[in-house]
Amino acid sequence: MSGDYAVQMGREALTMVMLVAAPMLGLGLIVGLLVSIFQATTQIQEQTLAFIPKIIAVFVAILIFGPWMLSLVVDYTRNIFLSLPQMVR
């Protein structure tokens, strides 16, 4: 396996991680920002108020984007297994 091929595989792996994590992180970020604005305007400083909506948002993102993320990971894994003969050379 050449160095260029290893770098390409590493780049593809990092891209896959970012694509799979983006929906959950994005929704968590948006909900966290909305809760922070709500807390600032109402002056409610309850710590658990920040965590529970984010956890629910991440679960909702998993439910909505789960099939898409699963298909991405399955396709990526299939491509890795198909490229194993090229790695051995």
Protein backbone atom coordinates (compact mmCIF):
# COMPACT_ATOMS: atom_id res chain seq x y z
CA MET A 1 0.00 0.00 0.00
CA SER A 2 1.46 3.34 -1.04
CA GLY A 3 1.56 6.42 1.10
CA ASP A 4 -0.84 8.26 -1.18
CA TYR A 5 -3.39 5.48 -0.84
CA ALA A 6 -3.08 5.52 2.95
CA VAL A 7 -3.59 9.29 3.03
CA GLN A 8 -6.62 8.95 0.76
CA MET A 9 -8.13 6.29 3.03
CA GLY A 10 -7.51 8.46 6.09
CA ARG A 11 -9.16 11.42 4.40
CA GLU A 12 -12.17 9.30 3.47
CA ALA A 13 -12.43 8.01 7.04
CA LEU A 14 -12.37 11.53 8.50
CA THR A 15 -14.94 12.69 5.96
CA MET A 16 -17.17 9.77 6.91
CA VAL A 17 -16.88 10.60 10.62
CA MET A 18 -17.81 14.23 9.96
CA LEU A 19 -20.77 13.29 7.77
CA VAL A 20 -22.15 10.81 10.29
CA ALA A 21 -21.68 13.11 13.30
CA ALA A 22 -22.86 16.36 11.65
CA PRO A 23 -26.66 15.92 12.01
CA MET A 24 -26.46 15.10 15.72
CA LEU A 25 -23.94 17.81 16.50
CA GLY A 26 -25.79 20.40 14.44
CA LEU A 27 -29.14 19.74 16.06
CA GLY A 28 -27.53 19.71 19.51
CA LEU A 29 -25.85 23.02 18.75
CA ILE A 30 -29.08 24.66 17.58
CA VAL A 31 -31.06 23.41 20.59
CA GLY A 32 -28.28 24.45 22.96
CA LEU A 33 -28.25 27.93 21.48
CA LEU A 34 -32.04 28.24 21.76
CA VAL A 35 -31.99 27.04 25.38
CA SER A 36 -29.19 29.48 26.20
CA ILE A 37 -31.15 32.36 24.69
CA PHE A 38 -34.24 31.24 26.64
CA GLN A 39 -32.22 31.07 29.87
CA ALA A 40 -30.70 34.50 29.27
CA THR A 41 -34.03 36.15 28.60
CA THR A 42 -35.89 34.55 31.50
CA GLN A 43 -32.91 34.51 33.90
CA ILE A 44 -33.53 30.85 34.71
CA GLN A 45 -30.14 29.36 35.55
CA GLU A 46 -31.11 25.72 36.01
CA GLN A 47 -28.25 23.47 34.88
CA THR A 48 -30.41 20.50 33.89
CA LEU A 49 -32.45 22.72 31.57
CA ALA A 50 -29.47 22.87 29.22
CA PHE A 51 -28.82 19.13 29.02
CA ILE A 52 -32.21 17.46 28.69
CA PRO A 53 -33.34 19.27 25.49
CA LYS A 54 -29.95 18.57 23.88
CA ILE A 55 -30.19 14.87 24.71
CA ILE A 56 -33.70 14.73 23.27
CA ALA A 57 -32.54 16.61 20.14
CA VAL A 58 -29.69 14.14 19.59
CA PHE A 59 -32.09 11.19 19.92
CA VAL A 60 -34.48 12.83 17.45
CA ALA A 61 -31.57 13.39 15.05
CA ILE A 62 -30.64 9.71 15.35
CA LEU A 63 -34.22 8.71 14.60
CA ILE A 64 -34.53 11.03 11.62
CA PHE A 65 -31.06 10.69 10.10
CA GLY A 66 -30.31 7.13 11.29
CA PRO A 67 -31.16 5.34 8.04
CA TRP A 68 -29.09 7.81 6.03
CA MET A 69 -26.12 7.49 8.40
CA LEU A 70 -26.39 3.70 8.35
CA SER A 71 -26.38 3.62 4.56
CA LEU A 72 -23.28 5.86 4.50
CA VAL A 73 -21.42 3.61 6.93
CA VAL A 74 -22.46 0.43 5.10
CA ASP A 75 -21.35 1.85 1.74
CA TYR A 76 -18.04 2.98 3.24
CA THR A 77 -17.44 -0.44 4.81
CA ARG A 78 -18.34 -2.18 1.55
CA ASN A 79 -15.84 0.02 -0.33
CA ILE A 80 -13.13 -0.81 2.21
CA PHE A 81 -13.73 -4.54 1.82
CA LEU A 82 -13.74 -4.21 -1.97
CA SER A 83 -10.44 -2.31 -1.90
CA LEU A 84 -8.65 -4.89 0.27
CA PRO A 85 -6.91 -6.52 -2.72
CA GLN A 86 -5.43 -3.14 -3.67
CA MET A 87 -4.11 -2.67 -0.13
CA VAL A 88 -2.15 -5.90 -0.19
CA ARG A 89 -0.15 -5.01 -3.29
